[in-house]
Amino acid sequence: MSAEDLENYETDMELALYREYRDVVNLFSYVVETERRFYLANQVDLQVRSAAGEVYFELSLTDAWVWDVYRSARFVKSVRVVTFKDVNVEELAKAELDLPDGGPFRR
């Protein structure tokens, strides 16, 4: 396998992951970013903890999807993350009106 073949493979995998994200994002309520991963989830519990003078974050996600091109199963029932780095949690805006697929107003 040449370097160009490998690059094309990785590009195809990233494009497939983006398409999957686009297809599933409406199933979730929250976007969660950590230093290592990007998640979609329906329930998020973020707790600020401290031990020995250090502050860290404990994050529990339920009904989640993981942005990771190398995972074969991106849908997970629950995720627990412990990190000393920033965590960003955003609630996704739900569309006021869902248009039917196949109609004249496609997304």
PDB file of N, CA and C in Angstrom:
ATOM      1  N   MET A   1       0.852  -1.177   0.000  1.00  0.00           N
ATOM      2  CA  MET A   1       0.000   0.000   0.000  1.00  0.00           C
ATOM      3  C   MET A   1       0.894   1.236   0.000  1.00  0.00           C
ATOM      4  N   SER A   2       0.645   2.117  -0.932  1.00  0.00           N
ATOM      5  CA  SER A   2       1.465   3.329  -1.038  1.00  0.00           C
ATOM      6  C   SER A   2       0.978   4.390  -0.053  1.00  0.00           C
ATOM      7  N   ALA A   3       1.784   5.416   0.119  1.00  0.00           N
ATOM      8  CA  ALA A   3       1.418   6.532   1.000  1.00  0.00           C
ATOM      9  C   ALA A   3       0.153   7.216   0.488  1.00  0.00           C
ATOM     10  N   GLU A   4       0.033   7.313  -0.832  1.00  0.00           N
ATOM     11  CA  GLU A   4      -1.167   7.942  -1.423  1.00  0.00           C
ATOM     12  C   GLU A   4      -2.409   7.092  -1.153  1.00  0.00           C
ATOM     13  N   ASP A   5      -2.272   5.765  -1.250  1.00  0.00           N
ATOM     14  CA  ASP A   5      -3.395   4.875  -0.960  1.00  0.00           C
ATOM     15  C   ASP A   5      -3.834   5.008   0.492  1.00  0.00           C
ATOM     16  N   LEU A   6      -2.867   5.084   1.389  1.00  0.00           N
ATOM     17  CA  LEU A   6      -3.162   5.240   2.812  1.00  0.00           C
ATOM     18  C   LEU A   6      -3.858   6.574   3.079  1.00  0.00           C
ATOM     19  N   GLU A   7      -3.380   7.632   2.456  1.00  0.00           N
ATOM     20  CA  GLU A   7      -3.993   8.946   2.625  1.00  0.00           C
ATOM     21  C   GLU A   7      -5.426   8.945   2.094  1.00  0.00           C
ATOM     22  N   ASN A   8      -5.643   8.319   0.945  1.00  0.00           N
ATOM     23  CA  ASN A   8      -6.995   8.224   0.376  1.00  0.00           C
ATOM     24  C   ASN A   8      -7.920   7.417   1.281  1.00  0.00           C
ATOM     25  N   TYR A   9      -7.404   6.342   1.860  1.00  0.00           N
ATOM     26  CA  TYR A   9      -8.187   5.522   2.779  1.00  0.00           C
ATOM     27  C   TYR A   9      -8.605   6.338   3.998  1.00  0.00           C
ATOM     28  N   GLU A  10      -7.652   7.067   4.591  1.00  0.00           N
ATOM     29  CA  GLU A  10      -7.961   7.887   5.764  1.00  0.00           C
ATOM     30  C   GLU A  10      -8.964   8.986   5.428  1.00  0.00           C
ATOM     31  N   THR A  11      -8.828   9.590   4.265  1.00  0.00           N
ATOM     32  CA  THR A  11      -9.771  10.620   3.827  1.00  0.00           C
ATOM     33  C   THR A  11     -11.169  10.034   3.668  1.00  0.00           C
ATOM     34  N   ASP A  12     -11.256   8.847   3.071  1.00  0.00           N
ATOM     35  CA  ASP A  12     -12.553   8.181   2.914  1.00  0.00           C
ATOM     36  C   ASP A  12     -13.180   7.845   4.268  1.00  0.00           C
ATOM     37  N   MET A  13     -12.363   7.388   5.212  1.00  0.00           N
ATOM     38  CA  MET A  13     -12.861   7.059   6.551  1.00  0.00           C
ATOM     39  C   MET A  13     -13.386   8.313   7.262  1.00  0.00           C
ATOM     40  N   GLU A  14     -12.663   9.414   7.161  1.00  0.00           N
ATOM     41  CA  GLU A  14     -13.099  10.661   7.788  1.00  0.00           C
ATOM     42  C   GLU A  14     -14.385  11.184   7.163  1.00  0.00           C
ATOM     43  N   LEU A  15     -14.509  11.064   5.848  1.00  0.00           N
ATOM     44  CA  LEU A  15     -15.725  11.494   5.169  1.00  0.00           C
ATOM     45  C   LEU A  15     -16.913  10.625   5.591  1.00  0.00           C
ATOM     46  N   ALA A  16     -16.704   9.327   5.703  1.00  0.00           N
ATOM     47  CA  ALA A  16     -17.766   8.421   6.151  1.00  0.00           C
ATOM     48  C   ALA A  16     -18.180   8.754   7.582  1.00  0.00           C
ATOM     49  N   LEU A  17     -17.212   9.086   8.442  1.00  0.00           N
ATOM     50  CA  LEU A  17     -17.519   9.460   9.821  1.00  0.00           C
ATOM     51  C   LEU A  17     -18.329  10.748   9.865  1.00  0.00           C
ATOM     52  N   TYR A  18     -17.951  11.728   9.059  1.00  0.00           N
ATOM     53  CA  TYR A  18     -18.706  12.980   9.010  1.00  0.00           C
ATOM     54  C   TYR A  18     -20.139  12.722   8.547  1.00  0.00           C
ATOM     55  N   ARG A  19     -20.297  11.885   7.548  1.00  0.00           N
ATOM     56  CA  ARG A  19     -21.644  11.574   7.050  1.00  0.00           C
ATOM     57  C   ARG A  19     -22.475  10.876   8.121  1.00  0.00           C
ATOM     58  N   GLU A  20     -21.844   9.975   8.857  1.00  0.00           N
ATOM     59  CA  GLU A  20     -22.552   9.301   9.955  1.00  0.00           C
ATOM     60  C   GLU A  20     -22.966  10.325  11.008  1.00  0.00           C
ATOM     61  N   TYR A  21     -22.049  11.225  11.368  1.00  0.00           N
ATOM     62  CA  TYR A  21     -22.362  12.282  12.334  1.00  0.00           C
ATOM     63  C   TYR A  21     -23.567  13.088  11.863  1.00  0.00           C
ATOM     64  N   ARG A  22     -23.546  13.500  10.612  1.00  0.00           N
ATOM     65  CA  ARG A  22     -24.632  14.300  10.042  1.00  0.00           C
ATOM     66  C   ARG A  22     -25.960  13.545  10.118  1.00  0.00           C
ATOM     67  N   ASP A  23     -25.919  12.230   9.922  1.00  0.00           N
ATOM     68  CA  ASP A  23     -27.130  11.418   9.953  1.00  0.00           C
ATOM     69  C   ASP A  23     -27.672  11.203  11.362  1.00  0.00           C
ATOM     70  N   VAL A  24     -26.803  11.190  12.384  1.00  0.00           N
ATOM     71  CA  VAL A  24     -27.254  10.857  13.741  1.00  0.00           C
ATOM     72  C   VAL A  24     -27.380  12.050  14.676  1.00  0.00           C
ATOM     73  N   VAL A  25     -26.862  13.208  14.331  1.00  0.00           N
ATOM     74  CA  VAL A  25     -26.827  14.331  15.260  1.00  0.00           C
ATOM     75  C   VAL A  25     -28.216  14.706  15.776  1.00  0.00           C
ATOM     76  N   ASN A  26     -29.241  14.555  14.950  1.00  0.00           N
ATOM     77  CA  ASN A  26     -30.598  14.916  15.384  1.00  0.00           C
ATOM     78  C   ASN A  26     -31.188  13.952  16.407  1.00  0.00           C
ATOM     79  N   LEU A  27     -30.520  12.836  16.655  1.00  0.00           N
ATOM     80  CA  LEU A  27     -30.984  11.877  17.649  1.00  0.00           C
ATOM     81  C   LEU A  27     -30.558  12.249  19.066  1.00  0.00           C
ATOM     82  N   PHE A  28     -29.696  13.269  19.198  1.00  0.00           N
ATOM     83  CA  PHE A  28     -29.082  13.574  20.479  1.00  0.00           C
ATOM     84  C   PHE A  28     -29.401  14.992  20.960  1.00  0.00           C
ATOM     85  N   SER A  29     -29.236  15.194  22.253  1.00  0.00           N
ATOM     86  CA  SER A  29     -29.546  16.486  22.880  1.00  0.00           C
ATOM     87  C   SER A  29     -28.323  17.325  23.193  1.00  0.00           C
ATOM     88  N   TYR A  30     -27.155  16.699  23.350  1.00  0.00           N
ATOM     89  CA  TYR A  30     -25.958  17.424  23.777  1.00  0.00           C
ATOM     90  C   TYR A  30     -24.745  17.084  22.913  1.00  0.00           C
ATOM     91  N   VAL A  31     -23.888  18.068  22.762  1.00  0.00           N
ATOM     92  CA  VAL A  31     -22.564  17.898  22.180  1.00  0.00           C
ATOM     93  C   VAL A  31     -21.576  18.073  23.329  1.00  0.00           C
ATOM     94  N   VAL A  32     -20.638  17.148  23.457  1.00  0.00           N
ATOM     95  CA  VAL A  32     -19.659  17.193  24.538  1.00  0.00           C
ATOM     96  C   VAL A  32     -18.266  17.081  23.937  1.00  0.00           C
ATOM     97  N   GLU A  33     -17.402  18.025  24.297  1.00  0.00           N
ATOM     98  CA  GLU A  33     -16.009  17.993  23.852  1.00  0.00           C
ATOM     99  C   GLU A  33     -15.092  17.874  25.053  1.00  0.00           C
ATOM    100  N   THR A  34     -14.175  16.933  24.967  1.00  0.00           N
ATOM    101  CA  THR A  34     -13.116  16.816  25.963  1.00  0.00           C
ATOM    102  C   THR A  34     -11.794  16.980  25.214  1.00  0.00           C
ATOM    103  N   GLU A  35     -10.702  16.898  25.932  1.00  0.00           N
ATOM    104  CA  GLU A  35      -9.399  17.043  25.283  1.00  0.00           C
ATOM    105  C   GLU A  35      -9.122  15.923  24.281  1.00  0.00           C
ATOM    106  N   ARG A  36      -9.746  14.769  24.492  1.00  0.00           N
ATOM    107  CA  ARG A  36      -9.435  13.615  23.653  1.00  0.00           C
ATOM    108  C   ARG A  36     -10.547  13.175  22.718  1.00  0.00           C
ATOM    109  N   ARG A  37     -11.802  13.518  23.025  1.00  0.00           N
ATOM    110  CA  ARG A  37     -12.912  12.993  22.254  1.00  0.00           C
ATOM    111  C   ARG A  37     -14.006  14.031  22.064  1.00  0.00           C
ATOM    112  N   PHE A  38     -14.874  13.714  21.113  1.00  0.00           N
ATOM    113  CA  PHE A  38     -16.071  14.494  20.812  1.00  0.00           C
ATOM    114  C   PHE A  38     -17.230  13.511  20.898  1.00  0.00           C
ATOM    115  N   TYR A  39     -18.278  13.869  21.639  1.00  0.00           N
ATOM    116  CA  TYR A  39     -19.408  12.978  21.856  1.00  0.00           C
ATOM    117  C   TYR A  39     -20.714  13.679  21.523  1.00  0.00           C
ATOM    118  N   LEU A  40     -21.702  12.888  21.176  1.00  0.00           N
ATOM    119  CA  LEU A  40     -23.101  13.294  21.179  1.00  0.00           C
ATOM    120  C   LEU A  40     -23.745  12.454  22.269  1.00  0.00           C
ATOM    121  N   ALA A  41     -24.660  13.040  23.047  1.00  0.00           N
ATOM    122  CA  ALA A  41     -25.288  12.285  24.131  1.00  0.00           C
ATOM    123  C   ALA A  41     -26.683  12.821  24.411  1.00  0.00           C
ATOM    124  N   ASN A  42     -27.485  11.974  25.049  1.00  0.00           N
ATOM    125  CA  ASN A  42     -28.822  12.403  25.444  1.00  0.00           C
ATOM    126  C   ASN A  42     -28.902  12.788  26.915  1.00  0.00           C
ATOM    127  N   GLN A  43     -27.990  12.302  27.721  1.00  0.00           N
ATOM    128  CA  GLN A  43     -27.913  12.716  29.123  1.00  0.00           C
ATOM    129  C   GLN A  43     -26.459  12.974  29.475  1.00  0.00           C
ATOM    130  N   VAL A  44     -26.235  14.069  30.190  1.00  0.00           N
ATOM    131  CA  VAL A  44     -24.882  14.459  30.586  1.00  0.00           C
ATOM    132  C   VAL A  44     -24.894  14.842  32.054  1.00  0.00           C
ATOM    133  N   ASP A  45     -23.964  14.286  32.804  1.00  0.00           N
ATOM    134  CA  ASP A  45     -23.778  14.665  34.210  1.00  0.00           C
ATOM    135  C   ASP A  45     -22.311  15.060  34.372  1.00  0.00           C
ATOM    136  N   LEU A  46     -22.065  16.339  34.661  1.00  0.00           N
ATOM    137  CA  LEU A  46     -20.709  16.851  34.826  1.00  0.00           C
ATOM    138  C   LEU A  46     -20.520  17.249  36.283  1.00  0.00           C
ATOM    139  N   GLN A  47     -19.549  16.637  36.947  1.00  0.00           N
ATOM    140  CA  GLN A  47     -19.246  16.927  38.348  1.00  0.00           C
ATOM    141  C   GLN A  47     -17.818  17.459  38.456  1.00  0.00           C
ATOM    142  N   VAL A  48     -17.665  18.538  39.199  1.00  0.00           N
ATOM    143  CA  VAL A  48     -16.340  19.085  39.483  1.00  0.00           C
ATOM    144  C   VAL A  48     -15.886  18.469  40.800  1.00  0.00           C
ATOM    145  N   ARG A  49     -14.737  17.842  40.789  1.00  0.00           N
ATOM    146  CA  ARG A  49     -14.198  17.148  41.962  1.00  0.00           C
ATOM    147  C   ARG A  49     -12.845  17.750  42.331  1.00  0.00           C
ATOM    148  N   SER A  50     -12.428  17.479  43.545  1.00  0.00           N
ATOM    149  CA  SER A  50     -11.076  17.876  43.949  1.00  0.00           C
ATOM    150  C   SER A  50     -10.494  16.812  44.867  1.00  0.00           C
ATOM    151  N   ALA A  51      -9.193  16.630  44.720  1.00  0.00           N
ATOM    152  CA  ALA A  51      -8.464  15.672  45.541  1.00  0.00           C
ATOM    153  C   ALA A  51      -7.040  16.177  45.666  1.00  0.00           C
ATOM    154  N   ALA A  52      -6.552  16.246  46.883  1.00  0.00           N
ATOM    155  CA  ALA A  52      -5.181  16.677  47.151  1.00  0.00           C
ATOM    156  C   ALA A  52      -4.885  18.036  46.510  1.00  0.00           C
ATOM    157  N   GLY A  53      -5.871  18.916  46.542  1.00  0.00           N
ATOM    158  CA  GLY A  53      -5.675  20.254  46.006  1.00  0.00           C
ATOM    159  C   GLY A  53      -5.796  20.372  44.498  1.00  0.00           C
ATOM    160  N   GLU A  54      -6.042  19.270  43.813  1.00  0.00           N
ATOM    161  CA  GLU A  54      -6.203  19.272  42.357  1.00  0.00           C
ATOM    162  C   GLU A  54      -7.683  19.225  42.011  1.00  0.00           C
ATOM    163  N   VAL A  55      -8.088  20.008  41.032  1.00  0.00           N
ATOM    164  CA  VAL A  55      -9.469  19.993  40.552  1.00  0.00           C
ATOM    165  C   VAL A  55      -9.527  19.161  39.280  1.00  0.00           C
ATOM    166  N   TYR A  56     -10.532  18.299  39.190  1.00  0.00           N
ATOM    167  CA  TYR A  56     -10.734  17.513  37.976  1.00  0.00           C
ATOM    168  C   TYR A  56     -12.229  17.400  37.701  1.00  0.00           C
ATOM    169  N   PHE A  57     -12.552  16.918  36.517  1.00  0.00           N
ATOM    170  CA  PHE A  57     -13.941  16.789  36.088  1.00  0.00           C
ATOM    171  C   PHE A  57     -14.286  15.320  35.895  1.00  0.00           C
ATOM    172  N   GLU A  58     -15.445  14.945  36.409  1.00  0.00           N
ATOM    173  CA  GLU A  58     -15.963  13.602  36.188  1.00  0.00           C
ATOM    174  C   GLU A  58     -17.236  13.748  35.353  1.00  0.00           C
ATOM    175  N   LEU A  59     -17.227  13.138  34.213  1.00  0.00           N
ATOM    176  CA  LEU A  59     -18.286  13.292  33.225  1.00  0.00           C
ATOM    177  C   LEU A  59     -18.921  11.937  32.961  1.00  0.00           C
ATOM    178  N   SER A  60     -20.244  11.876  33.089  1.00  0.00           N
ATOM    179  CA  SER A  60     -20.980  10.651  32.776  1.00  0.00           C
ATOM    180  C   SER A  60     -21.965  10.958  31.657  1.00  0.00           C
ATOM    181  N   LEU A  61     -21.906  10.166  30.603  1.00  0.00           N
ATOM    182  CA  LEU A  61     -22.791  10.328  29.456  1.00  0.00           C
ATOM    183  C   LEU A  61     -23.622   9.063  29.299  1.00  0.00           C
ATOM    184  N   THR A  62     -24.875   9.241  28.928  1.00  0.00           N
ATOM    185  CA  THR A  62     -25.765   8.114  28.681  1.00  0.00           C
ATOM    186  C   THR A  62     -26.304   8.230  27.268  1.00  0.00           C
ATOM    187  N   ASP A  63     -26.442   7.101  26.615  1.00  0.00           N
ATOM    188  CA  ASP A  63     -26.949   7.045  25.250  1.00  0.00           C
ATOM    189  C   ASP A  63     -26.103   7.964  24.376  1.00  0.00           C
ATOM    190  N   ALA A  64     -24.899   7.527  24.064  1.00  0.00           N
ATOM    191  CA  ALA A  64     -23.908   8.405  23.423  1.00  0.00           C
ATOM    192  C   ALA A  64     -23.421   7.845  22.093  1.00  0.00           C
ATOM    193  N   TRP A  65     -22.839   8.761  21.325  1.00  0.00           N
ATOM    194  CA  TRP A  65     -22.173   8.442  20.062  1.00  0.00           C
ATOM    195  C   TRP A  65     -20.789   9.082  20.142  1.00  0.00           C
ATOM    196  N   VAL A  66     -19.761   8.337  19.767  1.00  0.00           N
ATOM    197  CA  VAL A  66     -18.376   8.787  19.904  1.00  0.00           C
ATOM    198  C   VAL A  66     -17.796   9.090  18.524  1.00  0.00           C
ATOM    199  N   TRP A  67     -17.228  10.296  18.381  1.00  0.00           N
ATOM    200  CA  TRP A  67     -16.544  10.663  17.138  1.00  0.00           C
ATOM    201  C   TRP A  67     -15.156  10.044  17.204  1.00  0.00           C
ATOM    202  N   ASP A  68     -14.987   8.908  16.562  1.00  0.00           N
ATOM    203  CA  ASP A  68     -13.692   8.236  16.542  1.00  0.00           C
ATOM    204  C   ASP A  68     -13.647   7.364  15.294  1.00  0.00           C
ATOM    205  N   VAL A  69     -12.822   7.756  14.349  1.00  0.00           N
ATOM    206  CA  VAL A  69     -12.765   7.077  13.059  1.00  0.00           C
ATOM    207  C   VAL A  69     -12.323   5.628  13.205  1.00  0.00           C
ATOM    208  N   TYR A  70     -11.631   5.274  14.266  1.00  0.00           N
ATOM    209  CA  TYR A  70     -11.090   3.925  14.410  1.00  0.00           C
ATOM    210  C   TYR A  70     -11.972   2.997  15.244  1.00  0.00           C
ATOM    211  N   ARG A  71     -13.086   3.490  15.776  1.00  0.00           N
ATOM    212  CA  ARG A  71     -14.016   2.640  16.531  1.00  0.00           C
ATOM    213  C   ARG A  71     -14.976   1.962  15.573  1.00  0.00           C
ATOM    214  N   SER A  72     -15.182   0.692  15.768  1.00  0.00           N
ATOM    215  CA  SER A  72     -16.159  -0.012  14.933  1.00  0.00           C
ATOM    216  C   SER A  72     -17.576   0.214  15.452  1.00  0.00           C
ATOM    217  N   ALA A  73     -17.726   0.376  16.760  1.00  0.00           N
ATOM    218  CA  ALA A  73     -19.034   0.626  17.380  1.00  0.00           C
ATOM    219  C   ALA A  73     -19.004   2.002  18.029  1.00  0.00           C
ATOM    220  N   ARG A  74     -19.611   2.967  17.378  1.00  0.00           N
ATOM    221  CA  ARG A  74     -19.587   4.336  17.907  1.00  0.00           C
ATOM    222  C   ARG A  74     -20.746   4.633  18.854  1.00  0.00           C
ATOM    223  N   PHE A  75     -21.819   3.848  18.790  1.00  0.00           N
ATOM    224  CA  PHE A  75     -22.930   4.024  19.727  1.00  0.00           C
ATOM    225  C   PHE A  75     -22.607   3.274  21.005  1.00  0.00           C
ATOM    226  N   VAL A  76     -22.689   3.972  22.148  1.00  0.00           N
ATOM    227  CA  VAL A  76     -22.409   3.339  23.435  1.00  0.00           C
ATOM    228  C   VAL A  76     -23.509   3.691  24.432  1.00  0.00           C
ATOM    229  N   LYS A  77     -23.780   2.756  25.321  1.00  0.00           N
ATOM    230  CA  LYS A  77     -24.842   2.953  26.314  1.00  0.00           C
ATOM    231  C   LYS A  77     -24.432   3.978  27.361  1.00  0.00           C
ATOM    232  N   SER A  78     -23.202   3.907  27.819  1.00  0.00           N
ATOM    233  CA  SER A  78     -22.736   4.870  28.820  1.00  0.00           C
ATOM    234  C   SER A  78     -21.230   5.091  28.672  1.00  0.00           C
ATOM    235  N   VAL A  79     -20.821   6.299  29.048  1.00  0.00           N
ATOM    236  CA  VAL A  79     -19.412   6.686  28.976  1.00  0.00           C
ATOM    237  C   VAL A  79     -19.074   7.410  30.269  1.00  0.00           C
ATOM    238  N   ARG A  80     -17.919   7.115  30.831  1.00  0.00           N
ATOM    239  CA  ARG A  80     -17.419   7.843  32.001  1.00  0.00           C
ATOM    240  C   ARG A  80     -16.042   8.383  31.644  1.00  0.00           C
ATOM    241  N   VAL A  81     -15.879   9.698  31.819  1.00  0.00           N
ATOM    242  CA  VAL A  81     -14.620  10.363  31.507  1.00  0.00           C
ATOM    243  C   VAL A  81     -14.155  11.091  32.757  1.00  0.00           C
ATOM    244  N   VAL A  82     -12.895  10.941  33.092  1.00  0.00           N
ATOM    245  CA  VAL A  82     -12.271  11.699  34.170  1.00  0.00           C
ATOM    246  C   VAL A  82     -11.116  12.464  33.543  1.00  0.00           C
ATOM    247  N   THR A  83     -11.109  13.798  33.723  1.00  0.00           N
ATOM    248  CA  THR A  83     -10.082  14.609  33.076  1.00  0.00           C
ATOM    249  C   THR A  83      -9.729  15.825  33.924  1.00  0.00           C
ATOM    250  N   PHE A  84      -8.508  16.263  33.790  1.00  0.00           N
ATOM    251  CA  PHE A  84      -8.051  17.501  34.420  1.00  0.00           C
ATOM    252  C   PHE A  84      -8.174  18.678  33.459  1.00  0.00           C
ATOM    253  N   LYS A  85      -8.515  18.396  32.213  1.00  0.00           N
ATOM    254  CA  LYS A  85      -8.617  19.422  31.175  1.00  0.00           C
ATOM    255  C   LYS A  85     -10.041  19.936  31.071  1.00  0.00           C
ATOM    256  N   ASP A  86     -10.222  20.981  30.276  1.00  0.00           N
ATOM    257  CA  ASP A  86     -11.543  21.574  30.072  1.00  0.00           C
ATOM    258  C   ASP A  86     -12.520  20.591  29.446  1.00  0.00           C
ATOM    259  N   VAL A  87     -13.792  20.763  29.800  1.00  0.00           N
ATOM    260  CA  VAL A  87     -14.885  20.005  29.214  1.00  0.00           C
ATOM    261  C   VAL A  87     -15.907  21.024  28.730  1.00  0.00           C
ATOM    262  N   ASN A  88     -16.379  20.853  27.508  1.00  0.00           N
ATOM    263  CA  ASN A  88     -17.383  21.742  26.943  1.00  0.00           C
ATOM    264  C   ASN A  88     -18.653  20.942  26.690  1.00  0.00           C
ATOM    265  N   VAL A  89     -19.785  21.403  27.257  1.00  0.00           N
ATOM    266  CA  VAL A  89     -21.071  20.750  27.069  1.00  0.00           C
ATOM    267  C   VAL A  89     -22.021  21.786  26.491  1.00  0.00           C
ATOM    268  N   GLU A  90     -22.628  21.453  25.359  1.00  0.00           N
ATOM    269  CA  GLU A  90     -23.592  22.354  24.728  1.00  0.00           C
ATOM    270  C   GLU A  90     -24.869  21.593  24.437  1.00  0.00           C
ATOM    271  N   GLU A  91     -26.000  22.233  24.722  1.00  0.00           N
ATOM    272  CA  GLU A  91     -27.278  21.635  24.375  1.00  0.00           C
ATOM    273  C   GLU A  91     -27.585  21.975  22.926  1.00  0.00           C
ATOM    274  N   LEU A  92     -27.950  20.972  22.160  1.00  0.00           N
ATOM    275  CA  LEU A  92     -28.270  21.171  20.752  1.00  0.00           C
ATOM    276  C   LEU A  92     -29.658  21.791  20.615  1.00  0.00           C
ATOM    277  N   ALA A  93     -29.789  22.725  19.699  1.00  0.00           N
ATOM    278  CA  ALA A  93     -31.091  23.319  19.408  1.00  0.00           C
ATOM    279  C   ALA A  93     -31.879  22.326  18.560  1.00  0.00           C
ATOM    280  N   LYS A  94     -33.105  22.110  18.934  1.00  0.00           N
ATOM    281  CA  LYS A  94     -33.972  21.229  18.164  1.00  0.00           C
ATOM    282  C   LYS A  94     -34.682  22.058  17.112  1.00  0.00           C
ATOM    283  N   ALA A  95     -34.826  21.489  15.941  1.00  0.00           N
ATOM    284  CA  ALA A  95     -35.502  22.189  14.840  1.00  0.00           C
ATOM    285  C   ALA A  95     -36.957  22.437  15.222  1.00  0.00           C
ATOM    286  N   GLU A  96     -37.433  23.621  14.924  1.00  0.00           N
ATOM    287  CA  GLU A  96     -38.825  23.969  15.192  1.00  0.00           C
ATOM    288  C   GLU A  96     -39.765  23.118  14.342  1.00  0.00           C
ATOM    289  N   LEU A  97     -39.320  22.804  13.132  1.00  0.00           N
ATOM    290  CA  LEU A  97     -40.156  22.081  12.199  1.00  0.00           C
ATOM    291  C   LEU A  97     -39.296  21.076  11.468  1.00  0.00           C
ATOM    292  N   ASP A  98     -39.637  19.812  11.571  1.00  0.00           N
ATOM    293  CA  ASP A  98     -38.925  18.785  10.825  1.00  0.00           C
ATOM    294  C   ASP A  98     -39.624  18.584   9.489  1.00  0.00           C
ATOM    295  N   LEU A  99     -38.891  18.743   8.416  1.00  0.00           N
ATOM    296  CA  LEU A  99     -39.436  18.564   7.085  1.00  0.00           C
ATOM    297  C   LEU A  99     -39.291  17.108   6.664  1.00  0.00           C
ATOM    298  N   PRO A 100     -40.271  16.565   5.982  1.00  0.00           N
ATOM    299  CA  PRO A 100     -40.178  15.157   5.558  1.00  0.00           C
ATOM    300  C   PRO A 100     -39.071  14.957   4.535  1.00  0.00           C
ATOM    301  N   ASP A 101     -38.413  13.818   4.628  1.00  0.00           N
ATOM    302  CA  ASP A 101     -37.386  13.469   3.654  1.00  0.00           C
ATOM    303  C   ASP A 101     -38.032  13.232   2.290  1.00  0.00           C
ATOM    304  N   GLY A 102     -37.310  13.557   1.254  1.00  0.00           N
ATOM    305  CA  GLY A 102     -37.802  13.320  -0.090  1.00  0.00           C
ATOM    306  C   GLY A 102     -38.697  14.425  -0.624  1.00  0.00           C
ATOM    307  N   GLY A 103     -39.009  15.394   0.200  1.00  0.00           N
ATOM    308  CA  GLY A 103     -39.851  16.508  -0.242  1.00  0.00           C
ATOM    309  C   GLY A 103     -39.046  17.544  -0.966  1.00  0.00           C
ATOM    310  N   PRO A 104     -39.682  18.636  -1.358  1.00  0.00           N
ATOM    311  CA  PRO A 104     -38.972  19.676  -2.107  1.00  0.00           C
ATOM    312  C   PRO A 104     -37.978  20.466  -1.261  1.00  0.00           C
ATOM    313  N   PHE A 105     -38.065  20.356   0.073  1.00  0.00           N
ATOM    314  CA  PHE A 105     -37.182  21.125   0.959  1.00  0.00           C
ATOM    315  C   PHE A 105     -36.216  20.184   1.653  1.00  0.00           C
ATOM    316  N   ARG A 106     -35.300  19.625   0.924  1.00  0.00           N
ATOM    317  CA  ARG A 106     -34.331  18.671   1.485  1.00  0.00           C
ATOM    318  C   ARG A 106     -33.256  19.400   2.242  1.00  0.00           C
ATOM    319  N   ARG A 107     -32.696  18.706   3.229  1.00  0.00           N
ATOM    320  CA  ARG A 107     -31.582  19.252   4.016  1.00  0.00           C
ATOM    321  C   ARG A 107     -30.286  19.059   3.292  1.00  0.00           C
TER     322      ARG A 107
END
